Every structure is written in structure tokens, then in C-alpha cells.
Amino acid sequence: MRIILLGPPGAGKGTQAKRLAEKLDAAHISTGDILRRNVSDQTPLGKETKDFMERGLLVPDELMSKMLLERFTQNDIKKGFILDGYPRNLAQAITLEDIFKRKNIDIDMAVYLDSSERVIIQRLSGRLVCGACGANFHAVNMPPKKKGICDRCSGSLFQRTDDKEETIIKRLEVYKKEVSSLIKYYQQKNKLYRLNADGEAEAVLNEIIVLSNKLHDSLKV
């Protein structure tokens, strides 16, 4: 299965993508992971990326699309993939479609994880990130074994400045303005499926798997 996970910040795209990739034996493609890997490996694209990040600037879409294009040449996507973190707007969706055409790829579905503002604020305002390895924890939902310390690498955990409640609300306002055209884009392609993502992660995961199984069965008919 080739699936794109869409949804507002805090809807659980990253968490669901990782677990879904494991369940479906598919590649997990995260734009955040791609950026970090290129920077860590000091690739030519990574060096360009680092320059923007060190200046506190967003990585340009053109640079991100080059990294995605390279990622979709790798062999592990042949079994399928779960893409999260991209696209975030219509322009990125069109860019992604161009990449897919060049690689002769067609997605099976775009799953929109619909989550309420109340739940998003609760999730994001409690999120903790490891400064060393980038692992995510949550002060309430998924606390580390030792307060302030990463279970994976023993690095220090911190709260991102954009995970403060007032910043989250502003991020959601921006997101809502951009997402309507993105939803319409995948609706017109008959690829969009919406799920309520306010529930427990395991229940949401099971809903996505049931949906993917139904779609897989229908494609075989």
C-alpha cells in the first residue's frame, strides 16, 4: 500500500506512520527524517539544508522536493510506503504529484486524520523532544522513564517553542487556511479518506488498517 497521512499538527501523523509502516511492512517516509539524515550525512542537499536551518529559515520547497525525489529512488519503497509530513499545502501536493509521475508511482489513498483543537492543544503542549536523537515523548501520554531524560539515548528532553499553547493556536489558524484546498485536491482524485483521530492511538491505527485492507481487497476484484 502507498499511503499519504494528512492532518493538522498534533493529529498523530508521525506516530501512526511509524506503526502503520511496521504493520504493513512498508517504508516509513518522513520529511523530518529525510532532512535530518541529509544534514547528518553531510550530503550536498544536506549542506544546503543546514544553512537554512542555522539561519532559522524554513527549508525551501524546491530543496525538499529534491530530497524526496532522491528518497523515492530507494528500493524499500517497492513494498509500499507511508508518507507523513508532506504535503502541507496545495503547492506541495502538486510538486509531489510531479515526483510520482517521474517515478511512475500512484498512491492508493490519502488518509486525513481529523482532530479537534482541544485534543491537539493537549497533545502538543505536553510534547517533549530529545535534543540529541529527536525522539518524541509526552509529559502525560508517553512520559520518559526518567524525567527530562530520553529513554533511547539519555539525551536531554525539551519543549519546542512552537508547542506553547498560544503558538499552537496560531499554527492551527494558518493550517486551516491552507488545508481546504489540499483536501479538495485529493477528494477530486477520489483518494481521500477521513478518520476521527481524537481517540487512542491504537484504535486509530486499527481503523487505518481496516480501511487499507478494504481498499486492497477492492483493488484485487
Protein backbone atom coordinates (compact mmCIF):
# COMPACT_ATOMS: atom_id res chain seq x y z
CA MET A 1 0.00 0.00 0.00
CA ARG A 2 1.09 3.54 -0.79
CA ILE A 3 -0.47 5.91 1.71
CA ILE A 4 -0.17 9.61 2.49
CA LEU A 5 -1.12 10.66 6.02
CA LEU A 6 -2.55 14.17 6.26
CA GLY A 7 -3.84 16.17 9.19
CA PRO A 8 -3.21 19.15 11.46
CA PRO A 9 -0.21 19.40 13.80
CA GLY A 10 -0.79 17.06 16.73
CA ALA A 11 -3.14 14.70 14.87
CA GLY A 12 -0.64 11.88 15.32
CA LYS A 13 0.68 11.52 11.78
CA GLY A 14 4.22 10.63 12.82
CA THR A 15 3.15 8.10 15.44
CA GLN A 16 0.63 6.45 13.14
CA ALA A 17 3.01 6.41 10.17
CA LYS A 18 5.71 4.52 12.07
CA ARG A 19 3.33 1.90 13.45
CA LEU A 20 1.43 1.57 10.19
CA ALA A 21 4.66 1.03 8.26
CA GLU A 22 5.56 -1.79 10.66
CA LYS A 23 2.13 -3.40 10.39
CA LEU A 24 2.03 -3.22 6.59
CA ASP A 25 5.74 -3.96 6.09
CA ALA A 26 6.09 -0.69 4.18
CA ALA A 27 8.70 2.08 4.16
CA HIS A 28 8.09 5.00 6.51
CA ILE A 29 8.93 8.23 4.72
CA SER A 30 9.12 11.25 6.99
CA THR A 31 10.29 14.62 5.71
CA GLY A 32 11.76 15.34 9.14
CA ASP A 33 13.83 12.13 8.99
CA ILE A 34 14.93 12.93 5.42
CA LEU A 35 16.11 16.40 6.45
CA ARG A 36 18.00 15.11 9.49
CA ARG A 37 19.61 12.28 7.53
CA ASN A 38 20.85 14.57 4.78
CA VAL A 39 22.26 17.02 7.31
CA SER A 40 23.87 14.22 9.37
CA ASP A 41 25.40 12.56 6.28
CA GLN A 42 26.58 15.94 5.00
CA THR A 43 25.16 15.34 1.55
CA PRO A 44 25.20 18.31 -0.88
CA LEU A 45 21.47 18.76 -0.24
CA GLY A 46 22.06 18.39 3.49
CA LYS A 47 24.66 21.17 3.48
CA GLU A 48 22.17 23.49 1.76
CA THR A 49 19.50 22.47 4.26
CA LYS A 50 21.76 23.10 7.25
CA ASP A 51 22.48 26.60 6.01
CA PHE A 52 18.76 27.48 6.01
CA MET A 53 18.15 25.80 9.38
CA GLU A 54 21.07 27.58 11.06
CA ARG A 55 19.64 30.90 9.90
CA GLY A 56 16.25 29.97 11.36
CA LEU A 57 14.63 29.81 7.93
CA LEU A 58 12.20 27.26 6.51
CA VAL A 59 13.73 24.76 4.09
CA PRO A 60 12.54 25.82 0.60
CA ASP A 61 10.06 23.54 -1.15
CA GLU A 62 12.44 23.17 -4.09
CA LEU A 63 15.14 21.74 -1.82
CA MET A 64 12.68 19.44 -0.06
CA SER A 65 11.37 18.14 -3.38
CA LYS A 66 14.92 17.23 -4.47
CA MET A 67 15.39 15.19 -1.29
CA LEU A 68 12.02 13.49 -1.76
CA LEU A 69 12.85 12.68 -5.37
CA GLU A 70 16.06 11.00 -4.20
CA ARG A 71 14.17 9.14 -1.44
CA PHE A 72 11.70 7.66 -3.91
CA THR A 73 14.55 6.07 -5.88
CA GLN A 74 15.39 3.74 -2.97
CA ASN A 75 14.45 0.07 -3.15
CA ASP A 76 12.49 -0.15 0.11
CA ILE A 77 9.51 1.73 -1.37
CA LYS A 78 8.79 -1.16 -3.76
CA LYS A 79 6.83 -2.91 -0.99
CA GLY A 80 4.83 0.27 -0.37
CA PHE A 81 5.27 3.37 1.74
CA ILE A 82 3.64 5.58 4.35
CA LEU A 83 4.39 9.27 3.79
CA ASP A 84 3.90 11.79 6.60
CA GLY A 85 4.84 15.44 6.99
CA TYR A 86 4.26 16.21 3.32
CA PRO A 87 2.36 17.69 1.57
CA ARG A 88 1.16 20.50 3.84
CA ASN A 89 -0.46 22.64 1.15
CA LEU A 90 -1.70 22.52 -2.45
CA ALA A 91 1.60 23.66 -3.97
CA GLN A 92 3.44 20.82 -2.23
CA ALA A 93 0.78 18.33 -3.33
CA ILE A 94 1.31 19.36 -6.95
CA THR A 95 5.08 19.07 -6.50
CA LEU A 96 4.64 15.60 -5.00
CA GLU A 97 2.41 14.56 -7.89
CA ASP A 98 5.18 15.59 -10.30
CA ILE A 99 7.68 13.45 -8.37
CA PHE A 100 5.29 10.48 -8.52
CA LYS A 101 4.81 10.88 -12.27
CA ARG A 102 8.56 10.91 -12.81
CA LYS A 103 8.88 7.72 -10.75
CA ASN A 104 5.72 6.08 -12.17
CA ILE A 105 4.09 5.94 -8.74
CA ASP A 106 0.41 6.25 -7.85
CA ILE A 107 -0.83 6.40 -4.26
CA ASP A 108 -3.62 4.16 -3.02
CA MET A 109 -5.10 6.64 -0.56
CA ALA A 110 -4.60 9.87 1.36
CA VAL A 111 -5.87 9.50 4.94
CA TYR A 112 -6.85 12.72 6.69
CA LEU A 113 -6.53 12.39 10.47
CA ASP A 114 -9.16 14.81 11.73
CA SER A 115 -8.52 16.02 15.26
CA SER A 116 -10.22 18.67 17.42
CA GLU A 117 -8.43 21.78 18.63
CA ARG A 118 -8.87 20.73 22.26
CA VAL A 119 -7.10 17.40 21.71
CA ILE A 120 -4.38 18.95 19.55
CA ILE A 121 -3.51 21.51 22.24
CA GLN A 122 -3.39 18.77 24.89
CA ARG A 123 -1.10 16.63 22.77
CA LEU A 124 1.29 19.29 21.55
CA SER A 125 1.58 21.31 24.75
CA GLY A 126 2.79 18.18 26.54
CA ARG A 127 5.19 17.04 23.82
CA LEU A 128 8.86 16.61 24.74
CA VAL A 129 11.65 16.20 22.20
CA CYS A 130 15.13 14.78 22.65
CA GLY A 131 17.77 17.32 21.67
CA ALA A 132 20.20 14.55 20.73
CA CYS A 133 18.26 11.93 18.72
CA GLY A 134 14.93 13.69 18.02
CA ALA A 135 12.78 11.06 19.78
CA ASN A 136 9.34 12.27 20.93
CA PHE A 137 7.73 11.80 24.34
CA HIS A 138 4.71 13.27 26.08
CA ALA A 139 4.51 14.53 29.64
CA VAL A 140 1.18 12.72 30.18
CA ASN A 141 0.51 10.25 27.35
CA MET A 142 4.03 8.85 26.91
CA PRO A 143 6.37 10.07 29.64
CA PRO A 144 10.05 9.07 29.69
CA LYS A 145 11.16 6.57 32.32
CA LYS A 146 13.31 9.28 33.91
CA LYS A 147 12.01 12.85 33.93
CA GLY A 148 13.71 15.04 31.36
CA ILE A 149 15.88 12.19 30.00
CA CYS A 150 15.44 10.34 26.70
CA ASP A 151 14.82 6.59 27.06
CA ARG A 152 16.63 5.92 23.78
CA CYS A 153 19.91 7.82 24.08
CA SER A 154 19.85 9.53 27.52
CA GLY A 155 19.81 12.95 25.87
CA SER A 156 18.01 15.91 27.43
CA LEU A 157 14.33 16.48 26.61
CA PHE A 158 12.91 19.91 25.89
CA GLN A 159 9.65 21.54 24.80
CA ARG A 160 9.73 23.19 21.39
CA THR A 161 8.85 26.88 21.40
CA ASP A 162 6.12 26.23 18.81
CA ASP A 163 4.46 23.76 21.21
CA LYS A 164 3.38 26.53 23.60
CA GLU A 165 -0.43 26.83 23.70
CA GLU A 166 -0.65 30.32 22.20
CA THR A 167 1.68 29.31 19.37
CA ILE A 168 -0.29 26.12 18.71
CA ILE A 169 -3.49 28.12 18.25
CA LYS A 170 -1.78 30.39 15.72
CA ARG A 171 -0.34 27.38 13.86
CA LEU A 172 -3.80 25.86 13.62
CA GLU A 173 -5.23 29.09 12.21
CA VAL A 174 -2.60 29.08 9.46
CA TYR A 175 -3.14 25.39 8.82
CA LYS A 176 -6.91 25.76 8.44
CA LYS A 177 -6.43 28.43 5.77
CA GLU A 178 -4.21 26.14 3.70
CA VAL A 179 -5.76 22.72 4.22
CA SER A 180 -9.13 23.18 2.47
CA SER A 181 -7.55 23.28 -0.99
CA LEU A 182 -5.35 20.29 -0.12
CA ILE A 183 -8.38 18.24 0.97
CA LYS A 184 -10.25 19.20 -2.19
CA TYR A 185 -7.25 18.17 -4.32
CA TYR A 186 -7.28 14.58 -3.03
CA GLN A 187 -11.08 14.44 -3.00
CA GLN A 188 -11.12 15.23 -6.71
CA LYS A 189 -8.71 12.34 -7.25
CA ASN A 190 -11.04 10.04 -5.25
CA LYS A 191 -8.14 9.25 -2.94
CA LEU A 192 -9.22 10.98 0.29
CA TYR A 193 -10.46 9.15 3.39
CA ARG A 194 -11.20 10.96 6.65
CA LEU A 195 -10.87 9.44 10.11
CA ASN A 196 -11.50 10.87 13.58
CA ALA A 197 -8.07 10.89 15.23
CA ASP A 198 -9.13 12.12 18.69
CA GLY A 199 -9.17 8.59 20.12
CA GLU A 200 -6.40 6.38 21.46
CA ALA A 201 -3.53 5.79 19.04
CA GLU A 202 -4.15 2.02 18.87
CA ALA A 203 -7.81 2.47 17.94
CA VAL A 204 -6.96 4.99 15.22
CA LEU A 205 -4.26 2.67 13.87
CA ASN A 206 -6.72 -0.21 13.67
CA GLU A 207 -9.17 1.97 11.73
CA ILE A 208 -6.48 2.85 9.19
CA ILE A 209 -5.52 -0.83 8.80
CA VAL A 210 -9.16 -1.87 8.30
CA LEU A 211 -9.52 0.88 5.70
CA SER A 212 -6.33 -0.16 3.88
CA ASN A 213 -7.38 -3.83 3.90
CA LYS A 214 -10.78 -2.98 2.41
CA LEU A 215 -9.16 -0.87 -0.27
CA HIS A 216 -6.58 -3.57 -1.01
CA ASP A 217 -9.33 -6.17 -1.39
CA SER A 218 -11.36 -3.92 -3.67
CA LEU A 219 -8.35 -3.32 -5.92
CA LYS A 220 -7.93 -7.07 -6.37
CA VAL A 221 -11.52 -7.50 -7.60
